[in-house]
C-alpha atoms as a PDB file:
ATOM      1  CA  MET A   1       2.792   6.219 141.409  1.00  0.00           C
ATOM      2  CA  PRO A   2       2.876   5.010 137.719  1.00  0.00           C
ATOM      3  CA  MET A   3       5.651   6.355 135.502  1.00  0.00           C
ATOM      4  CA  ALA A   4       4.903   8.231 132.272  1.00  0.00           C
ATOM      5  CA  ALA A   5       6.023   6.752 128.999  1.00  0.00           C
ATOM      6  CA  GLU A   6       8.120   9.879 128.266  1.00  0.00           C
ATOM      7  CA  ASP A   7       9.873   9.530 131.475  1.00  0.00           C
ATOM      8  CA  ILE A   8      10.852   5.891 130.684  1.00  0.00           C
ATOM      9  CA  ALA A   9      11.966   6.987 127.170  1.00  0.00           C
ATOM     10  CA  GLN A  10      14.079   9.742 128.709  1.00  0.00           C
ATOM     11  CA  LEU A  11      15.896   7.547 131.206  1.00  0.00           C
ATOM     12  CA  ILE A  12      16.673   5.132 128.379  1.00  0.00           C
ATOM     13  CA  ARG A  13      18.001   7.998 126.169  1.00  0.00           C
ATOM     14  CA  GLU A  14      20.258   9.325 128.982  1.00  0.00           C
ATOM     15  CA  SER A  15      22.002   6.105 129.169  1.00  0.00           C
ATOM     16  CA  LEU A  16      22.088   5.223 125.338  1.00  0.00           C
ATOM     17  CA  PRO A  17      21.941   8.480 123.695  1.00  0.00           C
ATOM     18  CA  ASP A  18      21.827   7.104 120.229  1.00  0.00           C
ATOM     19  CA  ALA A  19      18.719   4.990 121.076  1.00  0.00           C
ATOM     20  CA  GLU A  20      15.590   5.008 119.074  1.00  0.00           C
ATOM     21  CA  VAL A  21      12.927   4.195 121.770  1.00  0.00           C
ATOM     22  CA  GLN A  22       9.232   3.460 121.363  1.00  0.00           C
ATOM     23  CA  ILE A  23       7.053   3.024 124.439  1.00  0.00           C
ATOM     24  CA  GLU A  24       3.510   1.671 124.229  1.00  0.00           C
ATOM     25  CA  ASP A  25       1.074   1.636 127.292  1.00  0.00           C
ATOM     26  CA  LEU A  26      -0.369  -1.917 127.010  1.00  0.00           C
ATOM     27  CA  ALA A  27      -3.148  -1.562 129.570  1.00  0.00           C
ATOM     28  CA  GLY A  28      -3.674   2.219 129.745  1.00  0.00           C
ATOM     29  CA  ASP A  29      -2.720   2.204 133.403  1.00  0.00           C
ATOM     30  CA  GLY A  30       0.817   3.776 133.356  1.00  0.00           C
ATOM     31  CA  ASP A  31       2.077   0.576 134.919  1.00  0.00           C
ATOM     32  CA  HIS A  32       2.368  -1.985 132.068  1.00  0.00           C
ATOM     33  CA  TYR A  33       4.482  -0.988 129.040  1.00  0.00           C
ATOM     34  CA  ALA A  34       6.251  -2.378 126.008  1.00  0.00           C
ATOM     35  CA  ALA A  35       9.502  -0.817 124.857  1.00  0.00           C
ATOM     36  CA  THR A  36      11.376  -1.198 121.810  1.00  0.00           C
ATOM     37  CA  VAL A  37      14.866   0.156 121.972  1.00  0.00           C
ATOM     38  CA  VAL A  38      17.275   0.186 118.981  1.00  0.00           C
ATOM     39  CA  SER A  39      20.902   1.116 119.783  1.00  0.00           C
ATOM     40  CA  ALA A  40      24.415   0.647 118.141  1.00  0.00           C
ATOM     41  CA  ALA A  41      25.489   0.021 121.874  1.00  0.00           C
ATOM     42  CA  PHE A  42      23.733  -3.475 121.591  1.00  0.00           C
ATOM     43  CA  ALA A  43      25.897  -4.753 118.748  1.00  0.00           C
ATOM     44  CA  GLY A  44      27.607  -7.825 119.608  1.00  0.00           C
ATOM     45  CA  LYS A  45      25.923  -8.246 122.920  1.00  0.00           C
ATOM     46  CA  SER A  46      23.520 -11.062 123.893  1.00  0.00           C
ATOM     47  CA  ARG A  47      19.908 -10.447 124.392  1.00  0.00           C
ATOM     48  CA  VAL A  48      20.327 -10.748 128.101  1.00  0.00           C
ATOM     49  CA  ALA A  49      23.197  -8.219 128.303  1.00  0.00           C
ATOM     50  CA  GLN A  50      20.980  -5.791 126.084  1.00  0.00           C
ATOM     51  CA  HIS A  51      18.159  -6.151 128.589  1.00  0.00           C
ATOM     52  CA  GLN A  52      20.391  -5.486 131.400  1.00  0.00           C
ATOM     53  CA  MET A  53      21.670  -2.199 129.866  1.00  0.00           C
ATOM     54  CA  VAL A  54      18.071  -1.073 129.647  1.00  0.00           C
ATOM     55  CA  TYR A  55      17.200  -1.974 133.149  1.00  0.00           C
ATOM     56  CA  ALA A  56      20.345  -0.282 134.411  1.00  0.00           C
ATOM     57  CA  ALA A  57      19.133   2.862 132.559  1.00  0.00           C
ATOM     58  CA  LEU A  58      15.787   2.779 134.506  1.00  0.00           C
ATOM     59  CA  LYS A  59      17.938   3.265 137.752  1.00  0.00           C
ATOM     60  CA  GLY A  60      16.087   0.854 140.031  1.00  0.00           C
ATOM     61  CA  ARG A  61      12.595   1.751 138.987  1.00  0.00           C
ATOM     62  CA  MET A  62      11.624  -1.567 137.715  1.00  0.00           C
ATOM     63  CA  GLY A  63       9.311  -3.240 140.182  1.00  0.00           C
ATOM     64  CA  GLY A  64       8.622   0.005 141.929  1.00  0.00           C
ATOM     65  CA  GLU A  65       7.283   2.961 139.975  1.00  0.00           C
ATOM     66  CA  LEU A  66       7.396   0.702 136.827  1.00  0.00           C
ATOM     67  CA  HIS A  67       5.480  -2.496 137.418  1.00  0.00           C
ATOM     68  CA  ALA A  68       5.997  -4.235 133.950  1.00  0.00           C
ATOM     69  CA  LEU A  69       7.939  -3.780 130.988  1.00  0.00           C
ATOM     70  CA  LYS A  70       7.932  -6.106 127.836  1.00  0.00           C
ATOM     71  CA  LEU A  71      11.250  -5.197 126.278  1.00  0.00           C
ATOM     72  CA  THR A  72      12.447  -5.687 122.633  1.00  0.00           C
ATOM     73  CA  THR A  73      16.043  -4.625 121.980  1.00  0.00           C
ATOM     74  CA  LEU A  74      17.766  -4.463 118.653  1.00  0.00           C
ATOM     75  CA  ALA A  75      21.017  -3.281 117.114  1.00  0.00           C
ATOM     76  CA  PRO A  76      20.514  -1.257 113.935  1.00  0.00           C
ATOM     77  CA  PRO A  77      21.251  -2.819 110.731  1.00  0.00           C
ATOM     78  CA  ARG A  78      24.823  -2.113 109.332  1.00  0.00           C
END
């Protein structure tokens, strides 16, 4: 069963409360999304570490309920 965009955003915000999250359904099927996540928690971390933080927030749903996620992570400007 596909995930709703708001469910993805909510999971991310639960782990990264300051996050600004934008979700786009790329194929209109509820299975292929793009997410842009901006959080101060990303400051000083590598892109890989930032992505791992987002995947951890999704609590194992990647590859199951959530088939594909194009991810862009950013720390806010100082």
